[in-house]
């Protein structure tokens, strides 16, 4: 999920297009999306010629060790978040990311 000027990309392919134009600070990447799943997004995202990469948090209802290992192999995944998403935890996450980027 990517927000651009208050807009949310609900499809990973749309998020990839937005990221090519304007890099977000944070990407919440759901593994189970239509059109392009999270792994396909990461396959394409790592090809972008970016000097600074955003914080990418992979979201799923459950994680297998093999999924975590696969995510770590990209070298750009910051952490893993289990569903259901809790608003207070997301707020804390965003605040810590924004504080770290200042």
PDB file of N, CA and C in Angstrom:
ATOM      1  N   UNK A   1       0.851  -1.157   0.000  1.00  0.00           N
ATOM      2  CA  UNK A   1       0.000   0.000   0.000  1.00  0.00           C
ATOM      3  C   UNK A   1       0.902   1.226   0.000  1.00  0.00           C
ATOM      4  N   UNK A   2       0.654   2.121  -0.882  1.00  0.00           N
ATOM      5  CA  UNK A   2       1.442   3.350  -0.981  1.00  0.00           C
ATOM      6  C   UNK A   2       0.486   4.528  -1.000  1.00  0.00           C
ATOM      7  N   UNK A   3       0.820   5.563  -0.254  1.00  0.00           N
ATOM      8  CA  UNK A   3       0.030   6.786  -0.290  1.00  0.00           C
ATOM      9  C   UNK A   3       0.808   7.830  -1.066  1.00  0.00           C
ATOM     10  N   UNK A   4       0.144   8.470  -1.998  1.00  0.00           N
ATOM     11  CA  UNK A   4       0.755   9.578  -2.732  1.00  0.00           C
ATOM     12  C   UNK A   4      -0.177  10.764  -2.592  1.00  0.00           C
ATOM     13  N   UNK A   5       0.278  11.785  -1.879  1.00  0.00           N
ATOM     14  CA  UNK A   5      -0.546  12.970  -1.643  1.00  0.00           C
ATOM     15  C   UNK A   5      -1.927  12.591  -1.134  1.00  0.00           C
ATOM     16  N   UNK A   6      -1.960  11.657  -0.194  1.00  0.00           N
ATOM     17  CA  UNK A   6      -3.231  11.258   0.398  1.00  0.00           C
ATOM     18  C   UNK A   6      -3.943  10.148  -0.339  1.00  0.00           C
ATOM     19  N   UNK A   7      -3.378   9.642  -1.425  1.00  0.00           N
ATOM     20  CA  UNK A   7      -4.014   8.563  -2.176  1.00  0.00           C
ATOM     21  C   UNK A   7      -3.360   7.237  -1.842  1.00  0.00           C
ATOM     22  N   UNK A   8      -4.152   6.220  -1.857  1.00  0.00           N
ATOM     23  CA  UNK A   8      -3.715   4.889  -1.483  1.00  0.00           C
ATOM     24  C   UNK A   8      -3.704   3.999  -2.721  1.00  0.00           C
ATOM     25  N   UNK A   9      -2.602   3.298  -2.947  1.00  0.00           N
ATOM     26  CA  UNK A   9      -2.520   2.342  -4.059  1.00  0.00           C
ATOM     27  C   UNK A   9      -2.883   0.970  -3.518  1.00  0.00           C
ATOM     28  N   UNK A  10      -4.020   0.462  -3.938  1.00  0.00           N
ATOM     29  CA  UNK A  10      -4.491  -0.815  -3.421  1.00  0.00           C
ATOM     30  C   UNK A  10      -4.012  -2.003  -4.242  1.00  0.00           C
ATOM     31  N   UNK A  11      -3.289  -1.740  -5.300  1.00  0.00           N
ATOM     32  CA  UNK A  11      -2.737  -2.805  -6.135  1.00  0.00           C
ATOM     33  C   UNK A  11      -1.232  -2.580  -6.210  1.00  0.00           C
ATOM     34  N   UNK A  12      -0.454  -3.633  -5.987  1.00  0.00           N
ATOM     35  CA  UNK A  12       1.001  -3.482  -5.973  1.00  0.00           C
ATOM     36  C   UNK A  12       1.553  -2.923  -7.274  1.00  0.00           C
ATOM     37  N   UNK A  13       0.918  -3.236  -8.399  1.00  0.00           N
ATOM     38  CA  UNK A  13       1.374  -2.698  -9.680  1.00  0.00           C
ATOM     39  C   UNK A  13       1.246  -1.179  -9.693  1.00  0.00           C
ATOM     40  N   UNK A  14       0.146  -0.658  -9.165  1.00  0.00           N
ATOM     41  CA  UNK A  14      -0.044   0.792  -9.062  1.00  0.00           C
ATOM     42  C   UNK A  14       1.015   1.396  -8.144  1.00  0.00           C
ATOM     43  N   UNK A  15       1.314   0.718  -7.053  1.00  0.00           N
ATOM     44  CA  UNK A  15       2.334   1.196  -6.121  1.00  0.00           C
ATOM     45  C   UNK A  15       3.695   1.270  -6.798  1.00  0.00           C
ATOM     46  N   UNK A  16       3.986   0.310  -7.646  1.00  0.00           N
ATOM     47  CA  UNK A  16       5.261   0.316  -8.363  1.00  0.00           C
ATOM     48  C   UNK A  16       5.345   1.514  -9.304  1.00  0.00           C
ATOM     49  N   UNK A  17       4.264   1.806 -10.007  1.00  0.00           N
ATOM     50  CA  UNK A  17       4.223   2.958 -10.919  1.00  0.00           C
ATOM     51  C   UNK A  17       4.405   4.254 -10.136  1.00  0.00           C
ATOM     52  N   UNK A  18       3.715   4.384  -9.000  1.00  0.00           N
ATOM     53  CA  UNK A  18       3.840   5.582  -8.159  1.00  0.00           C
ATOM     54  C   UNK A  18       5.278   5.723  -7.665  1.00  0.00           C
ATOM     55  N   UNK A  19       5.883   4.608  -7.245  1.00  0.00           N
ATOM     56  CA  UNK A  19       7.245   4.643  -6.710  1.00  0.00           C
ATOM     57  C   UNK A  19       8.256   5.100  -7.747  1.00  0.00           C
ATOM     58  N   UNK A  20       7.993   4.840  -9.015  1.00  0.00           N
ATOM     59  CA  UNK A  20       8.904   5.286 -10.071  1.00  0.00           C
ATOM     60  C   UNK A  20       8.851   6.798 -10.240  1.00  0.00           C
ATOM     61  N   UNK A  21       7.694   7.406  -9.924  1.00  0.00           N
ATOM     62  CA  UNK A  21       7.521   8.852 -10.078  1.00  0.00           C
ATOM     63  C   UNK A  21       7.944   9.613  -8.830  1.00  0.00           C
ATOM     64  N   UNK A  22       7.514   9.105  -7.700  1.00  0.00           N
ATOM     65  CA  UNK A  22       7.764   9.794  -6.434  1.00  0.00           C
ATOM     66  C   UNK A  22       7.913   8.745  -5.349  1.00  0.00           C
ATOM     67  N   UNK A  23       9.093   8.633  -4.802  1.00  0.00           N
ATOM     68  CA  UNK A  23       9.395   7.593  -3.833  1.00  0.00           C
ATOM     69  C   UNK A  23       8.745   7.889  -2.486  1.00  0.00           C
ATOM     70  N   UNK A  24       7.950   6.958  -1.977  1.00  0.00           N
ATOM     71  CA  UNK A  24       7.343   7.159  -0.662  1.00  0.00           C
ATOM     72  C   UNK A  24       8.363   6.891   0.447  1.00  0.00           C
ATOM     73  N   UNK A  25       8.064   7.357   1.654  1.00  0.00           N
ATOM     74  CA  UNK A  25       8.922   7.082   2.811  1.00  0.00           C
ATOM     75  C   UNK A  25       8.727   5.659   3.313  1.00  0.00           C
ATOM     76  N   UNK A  26       7.479   5.184   3.220  1.00  0.00           N
ATOM     77  CA  UNK A  26       7.117   3.872   3.762  1.00  0.00           C
ATOM     78  C   UNK A  26       6.227   3.141   2.768  1.00  0.00           C
ATOM     79  N   UNK A  27       6.459   1.846   2.629  1.00  0.00           N
ATOM     80  CA  UNK A  27       5.577   0.993   1.835  1.00  0.00           C
ATOM     81  C   UNK A  27       5.113  -0.150   2.720  1.00  0.00           C
ATOM     82  N   UNK A  28       3.798  -0.289   2.854  1.00  0.00           N
ATOM     83  CA  UNK A  28       3.208  -1.469   3.487  1.00  0.00           C
ATOM     84  C   UNK A  28       2.867  -2.412   2.347  1.00  0.00           C
ATOM     85  N   UNK A  29       3.574  -3.504   2.256  1.00  0.00           N
ATOM     86  CA  UNK A  29       3.484  -4.397   1.108  1.00  0.00           C
ATOM     87  C   UNK A  29       2.763  -5.685   1.482  1.00  0.00           C
ATOM     88  N   UNK A  30       1.548  -5.830   0.992  1.00  0.00           N
ATOM     89  CA  UNK A  30       0.770  -7.042   1.240  1.00  0.00           C
ATOM     90  C   UNK A  30       1.228  -8.119   0.261  1.00  0.00           C
ATOM     91  N   UNK A  31       1.529  -9.290   0.784  1.00  0.00           N
ATOM     92  CA  UNK A  31       1.983 -10.385  -0.080  1.00  0.00           C
ATOM     93  C   UNK A  31       0.880 -10.906  -0.983  1.00  0.00           C
ATOM     94  N   UNK A  32      -0.361 -10.838  -0.522  1.00  0.00           N
ATOM     95  CA  UNK A  32      -1.479 -11.442  -1.251  1.00  0.00           C
ATOM     96  C   UNK A  32      -2.345 -10.387  -1.917  1.00  0.00           C
ATOM     97  N   UNK A  33      -1.841  -9.838  -3.009  1.00  0.00           N
ATOM     98  CA  UNK A  33      -2.599  -8.843  -3.752  1.00  0.00           C
ATOM     99  C   UNK A  33      -2.883  -9.363  -5.153  1.00  0.00           C
ATOM    100  N   UNK A  34      -3.917  -8.796  -5.756  1.00  0.00           N
ATOM    101  CA  UNK A  34      -4.262  -9.158  -7.124  1.00  0.00           C
ATOM    102  C   UNK A  34      -3.338  -8.456  -8.107  1.00  0.00           C
ATOM    103  N   UNK A  35      -3.301  -8.915  -9.301  1.00  0.00           N
ATOM    104  CA  UNK A  35      -2.519  -8.381 -10.415  1.00  0.00           C
ATOM    105  C   UNK A  35      -1.022  -8.634 -10.208  1.00  0.00           C
ATOM    106  N   UNK A  36      -0.467  -8.178  -9.097  1.00  0.00           N
ATOM    107  CA  UNK A  36       0.955  -8.367  -8.794  1.00  0.00           C
ATOM    108  C   UNK A  36       1.073  -8.645  -7.302  1.00  0.00           C
ATOM    109  N   UNK A  37       1.575  -9.830  -6.933  1.00  0.00           N
ATOM    110  CA  UNK A  37       1.695 -10.116  -5.501  1.00  0.00           C
ATOM    111  C   UNK A  37       2.935  -9.422  -4.926  1.00  0.00           C
ATOM    112  N   UNK A  38       3.117  -9.526  -3.630  1.00  0.00           N
ATOM    113  CA  UNK A  38       4.216  -8.834  -2.968  1.00  0.00           C
ATOM    114  C   UNK A  38       5.591  -9.243  -3.454  1.00  0.00           C
ATOM    115  N   UNK A  39       5.761 -10.536  -3.744  1.00  0.00           N
ATOM    116  CA  UNK A  39       7.058 -11.010  -4.237  1.00  0.00           C
ATOM    117  C   UNK A  39       7.346 -10.449  -5.624  1.00  0.00           C
ATOM    118  N   UNK A  40       6.338 -10.407  -6.461  1.00  0.00           N
ATOM    119  CA  UNK A  40       6.509  -9.847  -7.808  1.00  0.00           C
ATOM    120  C   UNK A  40       6.850  -8.360  -7.724  1.00  0.00           C
ATOM    121  N   UNK A  41       6.202  -7.661  -6.779  1.00  0.00           N
ATOM    122  CA  UNK A  41       6.516  -6.249  -6.562  1.00  0.00           C
ATOM    123  C   UNK A  41       7.985  -6.092  -6.187  1.00  0.00           C
ATOM    124  N   UNK A  42       8.450  -6.887  -5.218  1.00  0.00           N
ATOM    125  CA  UNK A  42       9.842  -6.783  -4.781  1.00  0.00           C
ATOM    126  C   UNK A  42      10.813  -7.119  -5.909  1.00  0.00           C
ATOM    127  N   UNK A  43      10.464  -8.119  -6.728  1.00  0.00           N
ATOM    128  CA  UNK A  43      11.311  -8.471  -7.877  1.00  0.00           C
ATOM    129  C   UNK A  43      11.531  -7.260  -8.780  1.00  0.00           C
ATOM    130  N   UNK A  44      10.486  -6.478  -8.995  1.00  0.00           N
ATOM    131  CA  UNK A  44      10.581  -5.297  -9.860  1.00  0.00           C
ATOM    132  C   UNK A  44      11.170  -4.099  -9.123  1.00  0.00           C
ATOM    133  N   UNK A  45      10.805  -3.932  -7.858  1.00  0.00           N
ATOM    134  CA  UNK A  45      11.240  -2.769  -7.089  1.00  0.00           C
ATOM    135  C   UNK A  45      12.757  -2.736  -6.929  1.00  0.00           C
ATOM    136  N   UNK A  46      13.377  -3.899  -6.702  1.00  0.00           N
ATOM    137  CA  UNK A  46      14.835  -3.915  -6.509  1.00  0.00           C
ATOM    138  C   UNK A  46      15.586  -3.523  -7.782  1.00  0.00           C
ATOM    139  N   UNK A  47      14.918  -3.552  -8.916  1.00  0.00           N
ATOM    140  CA  UNK A  47      15.547  -3.159 -10.189  1.00  0.00           C
ATOM    141  C   UNK A  47      15.578  -1.641 -10.384  1.00  0.00           C
ATOM    142  N   UNK A  48      14.792  -0.908  -9.582  1.00  0.00           N
ATOM    143  CA  UNK A  48      14.751   0.548  -9.730  1.00  0.00           C
ATOM    144  C   UNK A  48      16.086   1.151  -9.299  1.00  0.00           C
ATOM    145  N   UNK A  49      16.600   2.119 -10.050  1.00  0.00           N
ATOM    146  CA  UNK A  49      17.889   2.735  -9.713  1.00  0.00           C
ATOM    147  C   UNK A  49      17.726   3.788  -8.613  1.00  0.00           C
ATOM    148  N   UNK A  50      17.526   3.329  -7.400  1.00  0.00           N
ATOM    149  CA  UNK A  50      17.272   4.232  -6.284  1.00  0.00           C
ATOM    150  C   UNK A  50      18.507   4.355  -5.404  1.00  0.00           C
ATOM    151  N   UNK A  51      18.847   5.582  -5.036  1.00  0.00           N
ATOM    152  CA  UNK A  51      19.943   5.806  -4.103  1.00  0.00           C
ATOM    153  C   UNK A  51      19.441   5.579  -2.686  1.00  0.00           C
ATOM    154  N   UNK A  52      18.282   6.136  -2.396  1.00  0.00           N
ATOM    155  CA  UNK A  52      17.657   5.974  -1.084  1.00  0.00           C
ATOM    156  C   UNK A  52      16.429   5.098  -1.264  1.00  0.00           C
ATOM    157  N   UNK A  53      16.331   4.073  -0.457  1.00  0.00           N
ATOM    158  CA  UNK A  53      15.184   3.168  -0.556  1.00  0.00           C
ATOM    159  C   UNK A  53      14.250   3.417   0.629  1.00  0.00           C
ATOM    160  N   UNK A  54      12.952   3.323   0.401  1.00  0.00           N
ATOM    161  CA  UNK A  54      12.005   3.525   1.500  1.00  0.00           C
ATOM    162  C   UNK A  54      12.006   2.333   2.450  1.00  0.00           C
ATOM    163  N   UNK A  55      11.417   2.536   3.598  1.00  0.00           N
ATOM    164  CA  UNK A  55      11.198   1.434   4.535  1.00  0.00           C
ATOM    165  C   UNK A  55      10.077   0.578   3.964  1.00  0.00           C
ATOM    166  N   UNK A  56      10.316  -0.717   3.795  1.00  0.00           N
ATOM    167  CA  UNK A  56       9.294  -1.625   3.285  1.00  0.00           C
ATOM    168  C   UNK A  56       8.931  -2.604   4.387  1.00  0.00           C
ATOM    169  N   UNK A  57       7.643  -2.626   4.720  1.00  0.00           N
ATOM    170  CA  UNK A  57       7.121  -3.534   5.729  1.00  0.00           C
ATOM    171  C   UNK A  57       6.183  -4.513   5.036  1.00  0.00           C
ATOM    172  N   UNK A  58       6.528  -5.786   5.096  1.00  0.00           N
ATOM    173  CA  UNK A  58       5.732  -6.824   4.453  1.00  0.00           C
ATOM    174  C   UNK A  58       4.594  -7.207   5.385  1.00  0.00           C
ATOM    175  N   UNK A  59       3.385  -7.252   4.822  1.00  0.00           N
ATOM    176  CA  UNK A  59       2.175  -7.530   5.594  1.00  0.00           C
ATOM    177  C   UNK A  59       1.562  -8.841   5.120  1.00  0.00           C
ATOM    178  N   UNK A  60       1.175  -9.689   6.078  1.00  0.00           N
ATOM    179  CA  UNK A  60       0.501 -10.942   5.742  1.00  0.00           C
ATOM    180  C   UNK A  60      -0.251 -11.439   6.971  1.00  0.00           C
ATOM    181  N   UNK A  61      -1.198 -12.334   6.742  1.00  0.00           N
ATOM    182  CA  UNK A  61      -1.958 -12.888   7.863  1.00  0.00           C
ATOM    183  C   UNK A  61      -1.130 -13.894   8.650  1.00  0.00           C
ATOM    184  N   UNK A  62      -0.119 -14.470   8.031  1.00  0.00           N
ATOM    185  CA  UNK A  62       0.814 -15.357   8.735  1.00  0.00           C
ATOM    186  C   UNK A  62       2.122 -15.419   7.956  1.00  0.00           C
ATOM    187  N   UNK A  63       3.181 -15.710   8.671  1.00  0.00           N
ATOM    188  CA  UNK A  63       4.492 -15.798   8.035  1.00  0.00           C
ATOM    189  C   UNK A  63       5.119 -17.147   8.328  1.00  0.00           C
ATOM    190  N   UNK A  64       5.610 -17.774   7.290  1.00  0.00           N
ATOM    191  CA  UNK A  64       6.417 -18.983   7.414  1.00  0.00           C
ATOM    192  C   UNK A  64       7.878 -18.522   7.432  1.00  0.00           C
ATOM    193  N   UNK A  65       8.736 -19.315   8.037  1.00  0.00           N
ATOM    194  CA  UNK A  65      10.156 -18.981   8.065  1.00  0.00           C
ATOM    195  C   UNK A  65      10.703 -18.820   6.646  1.00  0.00           C
ATOM    196  N   UNK A  66      10.217 -19.632   5.725  1.00  0.00           N
ATOM    197  CA  UNK A  66      10.684 -19.537   4.334  1.00  0.00           C
ATOM    198  C   UNK A  66      10.317 -18.185   3.716  1.00  0.00           C
ATOM    199  N   UNK A  67       9.156 -17.631   4.097  1.00  0.00           N
ATOM    200  CA  UNK A  67       8.758 -16.318   3.583  1.00  0.00           C
ATOM    201  C   UNK A  67       9.664 -15.222   4.139  1.00  0.00           C
ATOM    202  N   UNK A  68       9.978 -15.314   5.421  1.00  0.00           N
ATOM    203  CA  UNK A  68      10.856 -14.321   6.044  1.00  0.00           C
ATOM    204  C   UNK A  68      12.246 -14.391   5.414  1.00  0.00           C
ATOM    205  N   UNK A  69      12.739 -15.607   5.201  1.00  0.00           N
ATOM    206  CA  UNK A  69      14.046 -15.762   4.547  1.00  0.00           C
ATOM    207  C   UNK A  69      14.027 -15.190   3.134  1.00  0.00           C
ATOM    208  N   UNK A  70      12.938 -15.433   2.408  1.00  0.00           N
ATOM    209  CA  UNK A  70      12.819 -14.901   1.049  1.00  0.00           C
ATOM    210  C   UNK A  70      12.801 -13.377   1.079  1.00  0.00           C
ATOM    211  N   UNK A  71      12.006 -12.802   1.987  1.00  0.00           N
ATOM    212  CA  UNK A  71      11.950 -11.350   2.112  1.00  0.00           C
ATOM    213  C   UNK A  71      13.301 -10.756   2.468  1.00  0.00           C
ATOM    214  N   UNK A  72      14.007 -11.403   3.381  1.00  0.00           N
ATOM    215  CA  UNK A  72      15.329 -10.914   3.783  1.00  0.00           C
ATOM    216  C   UNK A  72      16.334 -10.981   2.641  1.00  0.00           C
ATOM    217  N   UNK A  73      16.140 -11.928   1.729  1.00  0.00           N
ATOM    218  CA  UNK A  73      17.084 -12.083   0.617  1.00  0.00           C
ATOM    219  C   UNK A  73      17.081 -10.873  -0.322  1.00  0.00           C
ATOM    220  N   UNK A  74      16.012 -10.080  -0.314  1.00  0.00           N
ATOM    221  CA  UNK A  74      15.957  -8.882  -1.154  1.00  0.00           C
ATOM    222  C   UNK A  74      16.842  -7.763  -0.604  1.00  0.00           C
ATOM    223  N   UNK A  75      17.112  -7.801   0.694  1.00  0.00           N
ATOM    224  CA  UNK A  75      17.961  -6.790   1.307  1.00  0.00           C
ATOM    225  C   UNK A  75      17.307  -5.437   1.502  1.00  0.00           C
ATOM    226  N   UNK A  76      15.995  -5.352   1.294  1.00  0.00           N
ATOM    227  CA  UNK A  76      15.320  -4.055   1.426  1.00  0.00           C
ATOM    228  C   UNK A  76      14.096  -4.110   2.329  1.00  0.00           C
ATOM    229  N   UNK A  77      13.757  -5.279   2.848  1.00  0.00           N
ATOM    230  CA  UNK A  77      12.587  -5.408   3.722  1.00  0.00           C
ATOM    231  C   UNK A  77      12.994  -5.003   5.135  1.00  0.00           C
ATOM    232  N   UNK A  78      12.275  -4.041   5.703  1.00  0.00           N
ATOM    233  CA  UNK A  78      12.595  -3.539   7.037  1.00  0.00           C
ATOM    234  C   UNK A  78      12.053  -4.436   8.136  1.00  0.00           C
ATOM    235  N   UNK A  79      10.828  -4.944   7.937  1.00  0.00           N
ATOM    236  CA  UNK A  79      10.210  -5.767   8.982  1.00  0.00           C
ATOM    237  C   UNK A  79       8.964  -6.433   8.421  1.00  0.00           C
ATOM    238  N   UNK A  80       8.348  -7.250   9.249  1.00  0.00           N
ATOM    239  CA  UNK A  80       7.156  -8.012   8.872  1.00  0.00           C
ATOM    240  C   UNK A  80       6.046  -7.685   9.860  1.00  0.00           C
ATOM    241  N   UNK A  81       4.855  -7.440   9.334  1.00  0.00           N
ATOM    242  CA  UNK A  81       3.709  -7.076  10.167  1.00  0.00           C
ATOM    243  C   UNK A  81       2.596  -8.075   9.910  1.00  0.00           C
ATOM    244  N   UNK A  82       2.079  -8.643  11.001  1.00  0.00           N
ATOM    245  CA  UNK A  82       0.991  -9.617  10.877  1.00  0.00           C
ATOM    246  C   UNK A  82      -0.358  -8.922  10.888  1.00  0.00           C
ATOM    247  N   UNK A  83      -1.268  -9.454  10.086  1.00  0.00           N
ATOM    248  CA  UNK A  83      -2.661  -9.004  10.102  1.00  0.00           C
ATOM    249  C   UNK A  83      -3.364  -9.709  11.256  1.00  0.00           C
ATOM    250  N   UNK A  84      -4.386  -9.130  11.803  1.00  0.00           N
ATOM    251  CA  UNK A  84      -4.971  -7.845  11.433  1.00  0.00           C
ATOM    252  C   UNK A  84      -4.081  -6.689  11.895  1.00  0.00           C
ATOM    253  N   UNK A  85      -4.093  -5.630  11.099  1.00  0.00           N
ATOM    254  CA  UNK A  85      -3.306  -4.451  11.424  1.00  0.00           C
ATOM    255  C   UNK A  85      -3.959  -3.700  12.574  1.00  0.00           C
ATOM    256  N   UNK A  86      -3.146  -3.270  13.522  1.00  0.00           N
ATOM    257  CA  UNK A  86      -3.626  -2.525  14.682  1.00  0.00           C
ATOM    258  C   UNK A  86      -3.209  -1.071  14.503  1.00  0.00           C
ATOM    259  N   UNK A  87      -4.190  -0.188  14.535  1.00  0.00           N
ATOM    260  CA  UNK A  87      -3.933   1.225  14.245  1.00  0.00           C
ATOM    261  C   UNK A  87      -2.846   1.823  15.131  1.00  0.00           C
ATOM    262  N   UNK A  88      -2.877   1.540  16.420  1.00  0.00           N
ATOM    263  CA  UNK A  88      -1.885   2.134  17.324  1.00  0.00           C
ATOM    264  C   UNK A  88      -0.471   1.659  16.987  1.00  0.00           C
ATOM    265  N   UNK A  89      -0.328   0.397  16.586  1.00  0.00           N
ATOM    266  CA  UNK A  89       0.995  -0.111  16.215  1.00  0.00           C
ATOM    267  C   UNK A  89       1.477   0.524  14.915  1.00  0.00           C
ATOM    268  N   UNK A  90       0.555   0.736  13.978  1.00  0.00           N
ATOM    269  CA  UNK A  90       0.926   1.401  12.725  1.00  0.00           C
ATOM    270  C   UNK A  90       1.338   2.846  12.975  1.00  0.00           C
ATOM    271  N   UNK A  91       0.608   3.529  13.848  1.00  0.00           N
ATOM    272  CA  UNK A  91       0.945   4.912  14.188  1.00  0.00           C
ATOM    273  C   UNK A  91       2.344   4.974  14.787  1.00  0.00           C
ATOM    274  N   UNK A  92       2.639   4.071  15.723  1.00  0.00           N
ATOM    275  CA  UNK A  92       3.973   4.024  16.327  1.00  0.00           C
ATOM    276  C   UNK A  92       5.046   3.743  15.273  1.00  0.00           C
ATOM    277  N   UNK A  93       4.740   2.831  14.366  1.00  0.00           N
ATOM    278  CA  UNK A  93       5.674   2.479  13.301  1.00  0.00           C
ATOM    279  C   UNK A  93       5.980   3.689  12.423  1.00  0.00           C
ATOM    280  N   UNK A  94       4.930   4.381  11.974  1.00  0.00           N
ATOM    281  CA  UNK A  94       5.122   5.547  11.111  1.00  0.00           C
ATOM    282  C   UNK A  94       5.878   6.655  11.833  1.00  0.00           C
ATOM    283  N   UNK A  95       5.557   6.872  13.100  1.00  0.00           N
ATOM    284  CA  UNK A  95       6.257   7.906  13.861  1.00  0.00           C
ATOM    285  C   UNK A  95       7.738   7.579  13.992  1.00  0.00           C
ATOM    286  N   UNK A  96       8.068   6.307  14.236  1.00  0.00           N
ATOM    287  CA  UNK A  96       9.479   5.936  14.376  1.00  0.00           C
ATOM    288  C   UNK A  96      10.219   6.070  13.046  1.00  0.00           C
ATOM    289  N   UNK A  97       9.563   5.727  11.948  1.00  0.00           N
ATOM    290  CA  UNK A  97      10.188   5.870  10.626  1.00  0.00           C
ATOM    291  C   UNK A  97      10.416   7.340  10.309  1.00  0.00           C
ATOM    292  N   UNK A  98       9.421   8.170  10.564  1.00  0.00           N
ATOM    293  CA  UNK A  98       9.542   9.591  10.249  1.00  0.00           C
ATOM    294  C   UNK A  98      10.579  10.268  11.147  1.00  0.00           C
ATOM    295  N   UNK A  99      10.650   9.875  12.410  1.00  0.00           N
ATOM    296  CA  UNK A  99      11.641  10.435  13.321  1.00  0.00           C
ATOM    297  C   UNK A  99      13.049  10.053  12.871  1.00  0.00           C
ATOM    298  N   UNK A 100      13.211   8.814  12.435  1.00  0.00           N
ATOM    299  CA  UNK A 100      14.528   8.335  11.993  1.00  0.00           C
ATOM    300  C   UNK A 100      14.986   9.025  10.714  1.00  0.00           C
ATOM    301  N   UNK A 101      14.042   9.486   9.898  1.00  0.00           N
ATOM    302  CA  UNK A 101      14.414  10.101   8.621  1.00  0.00           C
ATOM    303  C   UNK A 101      14.721  11.588   8.738  1.00  0.00           C
ATOM    304  N   UNK A 102      14.517  12.145   9.912  1.00  0.00           N
ATOM    305  CA  UNK A 102      14.771  13.590  10.106  1.00  0.00           C
ATOM    306  C   UNK A 102      16.249  13.836  10.333  1.00  0.00           C
TER     307      UNK A 102
END
